[in-house]
Amino acid sequence: GMATSYIICNWKMYFSHHQALEWLKKYKEELSILKHTTNHNLVICPSYDALTCAVDIYQKTDIAIGAQDCSAYTQGAY
């Protein structure tokens, strides 16, 4: 059969908490449409402090939320 493909958005630590919430809300509908018009699984891996908010905002969608590594640094790709 056809292999399952994934599009994974790994934010590292580039968004502030406020920026993360704004992004999650702004693109929710667009991502849902993308999910249903392609054959890809969509996964958003926000920074740790936005993780529970992402789960709450996307709980009734087909978009998965994933976790990523944590870092002692305040910003960057760690």
C-alpha atoms as a PDB file:
ATOM      1  CA  GLY A   1       0.000   0.000   0.000  1.00  0.00           C
ATOM      2  CA  MET A   2       0.878   3.643  -0.067  1.00  0.00           C
ATOM      3  CA  ALA A   3       3.242   4.861   2.625  1.00  0.00           C
ATOM      4  CA  THR A   4       1.819   7.343   5.103  1.00  0.00           C
ATOM      5  CA  SER A   5       3.444  10.743   4.876  1.00  0.00           C
ATOM      6  CA  TYR A   6       3.732  13.378   7.570  1.00  0.00           C
ATOM      7  CA  ILE A   7       4.197  17.113   7.584  1.00  0.00           C
ATOM      8  CA  ILE A   8       5.644  18.044  10.964  1.00  0.00           C
ATOM      9  CA  CYS A   9       5.976  21.649  12.061  1.00  0.00           C
ATOM     10  CA  ASN A  10       8.679  21.735  14.749  1.00  0.00           C
ATOM     11  CA  TRP A  11       8.822  25.233  16.192  1.00  0.00           C
ATOM     12  CA  LYS A  12      12.016  24.844  18.210  1.00  0.00           C
ATOM     13  CA  MET A  13      11.944  27.850  20.559  1.00  0.00           C
ATOM     14  CA  TYR A  14      11.302  30.669  18.110  1.00  0.00           C
ATOM     15  CA  PHE A  15       7.819  31.827  19.163  1.00  0.00           C
ATOM     16  CA  SER A  16       6.908  33.537  22.396  1.00  0.00           C
ATOM     17  CA  HIS A  17       3.877  32.108  24.206  1.00  0.00           C
ATOM     18  CA  HIS A  18       1.684  34.907  22.822  1.00  0.00           C
ATOM     19  CA  GLN A  19       3.002  34.403  19.259  1.00  0.00           C
ATOM     20  CA  ALA A  20       2.358  30.671  19.533  1.00  0.00           C
ATOM     21  CA  LEU A  21      -1.264  31.170  20.599  1.00  0.00           C
ATOM     22  CA  GLU A  22      -1.857  33.689  17.818  1.00  0.00           C
ATOM     23  CA  TRP A  23      -0.386  31.311  15.211  1.00  0.00           C
ATOM     24  CA  LEU A  24      -2.384  28.330  16.476  1.00  0.00           C
ATOM     25  CA  LYS A  25      -5.640  30.273  16.287  1.00  0.00           C
ATOM     26  CA  LYS A  26      -4.880  32.034  13.006  1.00  0.00           C
ATOM     27  CA  TYR A  27      -4.041  28.898  11.004  1.00  0.00           C
ATOM     28  CA  LYS A  28      -6.404  26.352  12.588  1.00  0.00           C
ATOM     29  CA  GLU A  29      -9.019  26.488   9.813  1.00  0.00           C
ATOM     30  CA  GLU A  30      -6.443  26.631   7.018  1.00  0.00           C
ATOM     31  CA  LEU A  31      -4.560  23.631   8.427  1.00  0.00           C
ATOM     32  CA  SER A  32      -7.794  21.676   8.788  1.00  0.00           C
ATOM     33  CA  ILE A  33      -8.581  22.323   5.119  1.00  0.00           C
ATOM     34  CA  LEU A  34      -5.038  21.295   4.137  1.00  0.00           C
ATOM     35  CA  LYS A  35      -5.375  18.090   6.149  1.00  0.00           C
ATOM     36  CA  HIS A  36      -8.605  17.143   4.386  1.00  0.00           C
ATOM     37  CA  THR A  37      -7.418  18.031   0.871  1.00  0.00           C
ATOM     38  CA  THR A  38      -4.082  16.184   0.979  1.00  0.00           C
ATOM     39  CA  ASN A  39      -2.968  12.692   1.874  1.00  0.00           C
ATOM     40  CA  HIS A  40      -0.649  13.864   4.654  1.00  0.00           C
ATOM     41  CA  ASN A  41      -0.799  13.649   8.421  1.00  0.00           C
ATOM     42  CA  LEU A  42      -0.192  17.070   9.974  1.00  0.00           C
ATOM     43  CA  VAL A  43       1.646  17.404  13.283  1.00  0.00           C
ATOM     44  CA  ILE A  44       2.419  20.637  15.131  1.00  0.00           C
ATOM     45  CA  CYS A  45       5.226  20.483  17.711  1.00  0.00           C
ATOM     46  CA  PRO A  46       5.108  23.815  19.545  1.00  0.00           C
ATOM     47  CA  SER A  47       7.483  24.985  22.221  1.00  0.00           C
ATOM     48  CA  TYR A  48       6.836  23.430  25.626  1.00  0.00           C
ATOM     49  CA  ASP A  49       5.003  26.380  27.164  1.00  0.00           C
ATOM     50  CA  ALA A  50       2.425  26.346  24.336  1.00  0.00           C
ATOM     51  CA  LEU A  51       1.924  22.571  24.327  1.00  0.00           C
ATOM     52  CA  THR A  52      -1.196  22.362  26.491  1.00  0.00           C
ATOM     53  CA  CYS A  53      -2.781  25.323  24.688  1.00  0.00           C
ATOM     54  CA  ALA A  54      -2.121  23.664  21.331  1.00  0.00           C
ATOM     55  CA  VAL A  55      -3.780  20.465  22.558  1.00  0.00           C
ATOM     56  CA  ASP A  56      -6.812  22.461  23.748  1.00  0.00           C
ATOM     57  CA  ILE A  57      -7.141  24.513  20.548  1.00  0.00           C
ATOM     58  CA  TYR A  58      -6.727  21.541  18.166  1.00  0.00           C
ATOM     59  CA  GLN A  59      -8.523  18.860  20.215  1.00  0.00           C
ATOM     60  CA  LYS A  60     -11.481  18.534  17.800  1.00  0.00           C
ATOM     61  CA  THR A  61      -9.386  18.490  14.638  1.00  0.00           C
ATOM     62  CA  ASP A  62      -7.495  15.776  12.787  1.00  0.00           C
ATOM     63  CA  ILE A  63      -4.235  17.657  13.363  1.00  0.00           C
ATOM     64  CA  ALA A  64      -1.880  16.006  15.826  1.00  0.00           C
ATOM     65  CA  ILE A  65       0.130  17.824  18.479  1.00  0.00           C
ATOM     66  CA  GLY A  66       3.588  16.552  19.324  1.00  0.00           C
ATOM     67  CA  ALA A  67       6.254  17.428  21.854  1.00  0.00           C
ATOM     68  CA  GLN A  68       9.845  18.364  21.174  1.00  0.00           C
ATOM     69  CA  ASP A  69      13.010  18.572  23.218  1.00  0.00           C
ATOM     70  CA  CYS A  70      13.236  21.168  25.952  1.00  0.00           C
ATOM     71  CA  SER A  71      16.193  23.483  26.519  1.00  0.00           C
ATOM     72  CA  ALA A  72      17.579  25.759  29.184  1.00  0.00           C
ATOM     73  CA  TYR A  73      18.038  28.474  26.540  1.00  0.00           C
ATOM     74  CA  THR A  74      15.306  31.059  26.000  1.00  0.00           C
ATOM     75  CA  GLN A  75      15.367  31.005  22.187  1.00  0.00           C
ATOM     76  CA  GLY A  76      16.854  29.138  19.277  1.00  0.00           C
ATOM     77  CA  ALA A  77      17.172  25.679  17.745  1.00  0.00           C
ATOM     78  CA  TYR A  78      18.300  23.638  20.733  1.00  0.00           C
END
